[in-house]
């Protein structure tokens, strides 16, 4: 989820909105996805099994992960027009057979219990309406030893600053939108919801943002946090 909403926190995409988000992801945010994918693999150590990208949009993070892992990818988004954009990127990839598109919402994921090895999401968490319910759902679908990597980082400080410069040329108030999402008040809200949900979790705060790690079991083996 790359651009600031114009009205409320719940964002719905028609065809025009999906096209704009796809264009922004490709033309502005594209450099961050390979960097974040590498960080996910390094920190989580999960390279096989099933991976779900929540709020997948055009699916660029999932595509970057697929290039460096053997994961089967499920791109889950509530907006059907976003699936149209994702399908085009998948078709152009070397491994379209490893992708499945799923229409669904994080608060009620159409997935069985304990069936997902890795969940990833960059940016969409800031638009989830019921955080506690969403975190419980993530815990429900994670397989034993599964993990979720959720947040809003940019990979590194240089990419963060480059993205900010480009986005401010398109949306002058985008820096305040970013700073609000990555600010201390938001982090406290997320931590409160994580604690209330009862899931096992850890957090990572780096130079470009922060991430929440939800774990199915208390077997912390994350690397280089």
Protein backbone atom coordinates (compact mmCIF):
# COMPACT_ATOMS: atom_id res chain seq x y z
CA UNK A 1 0.00 0.00 0.00
CA UNK A 2 2.10 2.86 -1.30
CA UNK A 3 0.04 6.05 -1.43
CA UNK A 4 -1.87 8.07 1.12
CA UNK A 5 -5.65 7.60 1.26
CA UNK A 6 -7.68 10.63 0.34
CA UNK A 7 -10.52 10.12 2.82
CA UNK A 8 -10.66 7.27 5.31
CA UNK A 9 -8.33 4.51 6.44
CA UNK A 10 -10.17 1.79 4.55
CA UNK A 11 -8.94 1.85 0.96
CA UNK A 12 -10.89 0.23 -1.85
CA UNK A 13 -9.61 0.10 -5.40
CA UNK A 14 -11.61 0.39 -8.58
CA UNK A 15 -9.83 -0.12 -11.90
CA UNK A 16 -8.43 3.40 -11.95
CA UNK A 17 -7.16 3.14 -8.37
CA UNK A 18 -5.58 -0.23 -9.06
CA UNK A 19 -3.85 1.17 -12.14
CA UNK A 20 -2.47 4.08 -10.14
CA UNK A 21 -1.18 1.82 -7.37
CA UNK A 22 0.43 -0.53 -9.89
CA UNK A 23 2.11 2.38 -11.64
CA UNK A 24 3.42 3.80 -8.35
CA UNK A 25 4.73 0.39 -7.26
CA UNK A 26 6.54 -0.18 -10.55
CA UNK A 27 7.85 3.34 -11.16
CA UNK A 28 8.67 4.43 -7.59
CA UNK A 29 8.76 1.55 -5.10
CA UNK A 30 10.22 -1.23 -7.25
CA UNK A 31 13.81 -0.97 -5.86
CA UNK A 32 12.75 -1.77 -2.29
CA UNK A 33 11.22 -5.19 -2.93
CA UNK A 34 14.38 -7.21 -3.72
CA UNK A 35 16.08 -5.65 -0.67
CA UNK A 36 13.18 -6.47 1.64
CA UNK A 37 12.90 -9.97 0.18
CA UNK A 38 16.56 -10.62 0.97
CA UNK A 39 16.04 -9.35 4.52
CA UNK A 40 13.03 -11.62 5.00
CA UNK A 41 14.96 -14.68 3.87
CA UNK A 42 17.99 -13.76 5.96
CA UNK A 43 15.97 -13.07 9.10
CA UNK A 44 13.25 -15.73 8.83
CA UNK A 45 15.23 -18.54 7.21
CA UNK A 46 12.11 -19.86 5.42
CA UNK A 47 12.64 -20.71 1.74
CA UNK A 48 10.22 -23.59 1.13
CA UNK A 49 6.55 -24.25 1.67
CA UNK A 50 3.64 -21.83 1.30
CA UNK A 51 3.90 -18.04 1.53
CA UNK A 52 0.97 -15.60 1.63
CA UNK A 53 1.39 -11.92 0.84
CA UNK A 54 -1.42 -10.02 2.58
CA UNK A 55 -2.66 -6.89 0.82
CA UNK A 56 -0.52 -7.98 -2.10
CA UNK A 57 -1.51 -5.28 -4.59
CA UNK A 58 0.48 -5.92 -7.79
CA UNK A 59 2.49 -8.61 -6.00
CA UNK A 60 5.99 -7.19 -6.37
CA UNK A 61 7.18 -8.34 -2.94
CA UNK A 62 5.97 -11.89 -3.59
CA UNK A 63 7.66 -11.86 -6.99
CA UNK A 64 10.94 -10.74 -5.40
CA UNK A 65 10.67 -13.53 -2.81
CA UNK A 66 9.90 -16.13 -5.47
CA UNK A 67 13.12 -15.27 -7.29
CA UNK A 68 15.29 -16.22 -4.31
CA UNK A 69 13.26 -19.05 -2.72
CA UNK A 70 11.27 -22.15 -3.65
CA UNK A 71 8.14 -20.86 -1.92
CA UNK A 72 4.70 -21.32 -3.39
CA UNK A 73 3.12 -17.87 -3.37
CA UNK A 74 -0.48 -16.90 -2.58
CA UNK A 75 -1.27 -13.26 -3.35
CA UNK A 76 -4.20 -12.24 -1.17
CA UNK A 77 -5.96 -8.94 -1.75
CA UNK A 78 -9.55 -7.86 -1.16
CA UNK A 79 -9.58 -5.75 -4.34
CA UNK A 80 -10.26 -7.80 -7.46
CA UNK A 81 -8.88 -5.07 -9.79
CA UNK A 82 -5.50 -5.48 -8.06
CA UNK A 83 -5.50 -9.15 -9.09
CA UNK A 84 -5.70 -8.07 -12.72
CA UNK A 85 -2.48 -6.08 -12.29
CA UNK A 86 -0.79 -8.87 -10.33
CA UNK A 87 -1.74 -11.44 -12.97
CA UNK A 88 0.18 -9.49 -15.60
CA UNK A 89 3.33 -9.39 -13.50
CA UNK A 90 3.01 -13.09 -12.70
CA UNK A 91 2.58 -13.99 -16.37
CA UNK A 92 5.81 -12.14 -17.19
CA UNK A 93 7.77 -13.99 -14.48
CA UNK A 94 9.81 -17.18 -15.08
CA UNK A 95 7.63 -19.18 -12.67
CA UNK A 96 3.92 -18.29 -13.06
CA UNK A 97 2.94 -21.81 -11.93
CA UNK A 98 4.09 -20.99 -8.38
CA UNK A 99 1.50 -18.24 -7.87
CA UNK A 100 -2.14 -18.31 -6.79
CA UNK A 101 -4.41 -15.28 -6.53
CA UNK A 102 -6.82 -15.21 -3.59
CA UNK A 103 -9.54 -12.65 -2.90
CA UNK A 104 -9.65 -12.23 0.85
CA UNK A 105 -9.43 -9.97 3.86
CA UNK A 106 -6.89 -10.25 6.68
CA UNK A 107 -9.65 -10.21 9.30
CA UNK A 108 -11.27 -13.37 7.86
CA UNK A 109 -8.71 -15.15 5.69
CA UNK A 110 -10.17 -17.91 3.48
CA UNK A 111 -7.41 -20.31 4.55
CA UNK A 112 -7.31 -23.42 6.69
CA UNK A 113 -5.76 -23.51 10.15
CA UNK A 114 -1.98 -24.01 10.34
CA UNK A 115 -1.43 -24.14 6.56
CA UNK A 116 0.99 -21.25 5.85
CA UNK A 117 4.75 -21.30 6.47
CA UNK A 118 5.44 -17.61 5.82
CA UNK A 119 3.22 -14.53 5.74
CA UNK A 120 4.54 -11.22 4.45
CA UNK A 121 2.97 -7.80 4.14
CA UNK A 122 4.52 -4.42 3.50
CA UNK A 123 2.39 -1.32 3.95
CA UNK A 124 -1.09 -2.81 4.20
CA UNK A 125 -1.10 -3.13 8.01
CA UNK A 126 -1.65 0.63 8.33
CA UNK A 127 -5.09 0.17 6.78
CA UNK A 128 -6.26 -2.84 8.80
CA UNK A 129 -9.39 -1.86 10.72
CA UNK A 130 -9.30 -4.41 13.56
CA UNK A 131 -5.68 -5.09 14.36
CA UNK A 132 -6.29 -7.54 17.19
CA UNK A 133 -8.56 -9.70 15.02
CA UNK A 134 -6.09 -9.53 12.14
CA UNK A 135 -3.18 -10.67 14.29
CA UNK A 136 -5.28 -13.55 15.68
CA UNK A 137 -6.13 -14.63 12.13
CA UNK A 138 -2.47 -14.58 11.17
CA UNK A 139 -1.66 -16.75 14.16
CA UNK A 140 -4.47 -19.14 13.21
CA UNK A 141 -3.26 -19.83 9.67
CA UNK A 142 0.46 -20.07 10.46
CA UNK A 143 1.83 -23.60 10.34
CA UNK A 144 4.00 -24.98 13.17
CA UNK A 145 7.26 -23.00 13.10
CA UNK A 146 5.62 -20.58 10.68
CA UNK A 147 6.29 -16.85 10.86
CA UNK A 148 4.79 -13.60 9.63
CA UNK A 149 6.84 -10.55 8.64
CA UNK A 150 4.63 -7.46 8.63
CA UNK A 151 5.39 -3.75 8.65
CA UNK A 152 6.42 -0.73 6.67
CA UNK A 153 10.16 -0.57 6.12
CA UNK A 154 11.92 0.59 2.97
CA UNK A 155 14.91 -1.76 3.03
CA UNK A 156 17.48 0.87 4.03
CA UNK A 157 17.77 4.59 4.72
CA UNK A 158 18.97 5.47 1.23
CA UNK A 159 15.97 3.81 -0.40
CA UNK A 160 13.68 5.43 2.18
CA UNK A 161 14.95 8.89 1.28
CA UNK A 162 14.85 8.27 -2.47
CA UNK A 163 11.28 6.99 -2.30
CA UNK A 164 10.24 9.94 -0.16
CA UNK A 165 11.66 12.43 -2.64
CA UNK A 166 9.84 10.82 -5.55
CA UNK A 167 6.57 10.46 -3.68
CA UNK A 168 6.58 14.06 -2.50
CA UNK A 169 6.83 15.18 -6.10
CA UNK A 170 3.57 13.29 -6.67
CA UNK A 171 1.87 13.88 -3.32
CA UNK A 172 3.27 16.86 -1.36
CA UNK A 173 1.81 15.60 1.95
CA UNK A 174 3.27 12.11 1.56
CA UNK A 175 6.12 12.64 4.08
CA UNK A 176 3.64 13.39 6.86
CA UNK A 177 1.65 10.30 5.87
CA UNK A 178 4.83 8.20 6.07
CA UNK A 179 5.99 9.72 9.34
CA UNK A 180 2.60 9.16 10.94
CA UNK A 181 2.59 5.51 9.89
CA UNK A 182 6.12 4.91 11.17
CA UNK A 183 5.83 7.10 14.28
CA UNK A 184 5.90 6.06 17.90
CA UNK A 185 2.13 6.39 18.38
CA UNK A 186 1.52 3.87 15.60
CA UNK A 187 4.11 1.47 17.02
CA UNK A 188 2.45 1.65 20.44
CA UNK A 189 -0.94 0.94 18.87
CA UNK A 190 0.46 -2.11 17.08
CA UNK A 191 2.18 -3.41 20.21
CA UNK A 192 -1.03 -3.03 22.21
CA UNK A 193 -2.98 -5.01 19.60
CA UNK A 194 -0.29 -7.70 19.41
CA UNK A 195 -0.34 -8.13 23.18
CA UNK A 196 -4.14 -8.27 23.25
CA UNK A 197 -4.24 -10.85 20.45
CA UNK A 198 -2.20 -13.37 22.42
CA UNK A 199 0.15 -14.21 19.52
CA UNK A 200 3.87 -14.69 20.03
CA UNK A 201 5.74 -11.79 18.49
CA UNK A 202 8.96 -9.83 18.18
CA UNK A 203 9.69 -6.48 16.59
CA UNK A 204 12.47 -5.09 14.43
CA UNK A 205 13.13 -1.37 14.20
CA UNK A 206 15.79 -0.39 11.69
CA UNK A 207 16.91 2.72 9.87
CA UNK A 208 14.10 2.57 7.35
CA UNK A 209 11.06 1.63 9.41
CA UNK A 210 9.84 -1.25 11.54
CA UNK A 211 8.55 -4.78 11.26
CA UNK A 212 6.48 -7.11 13.44
CA UNK A 213 7.33 -10.81 13.52
CA UNK A 214 4.52 -13.15 14.54
CA UNK A 215 5.60 -16.66 15.49
CA UNK A 216 3.51 -19.81 15.73
CA UNK A 217 5.78 -21.42 18.32
CA UNK A 218 8.26 -20.15 20.87
CA UNK A 219 11.29 -21.32 18.87
CA UNK A 220 13.01 -18.04 18.10
CA UNK A 221 15.81 -18.67 15.61
CA UNK A 222 15.77 -15.40 13.71
CA UNK A 223 19.07 -14.24 12.35
CA UNK A 224 20.83 -10.90 12.33
CA UNK A 225 17.99 -8.81 13.76
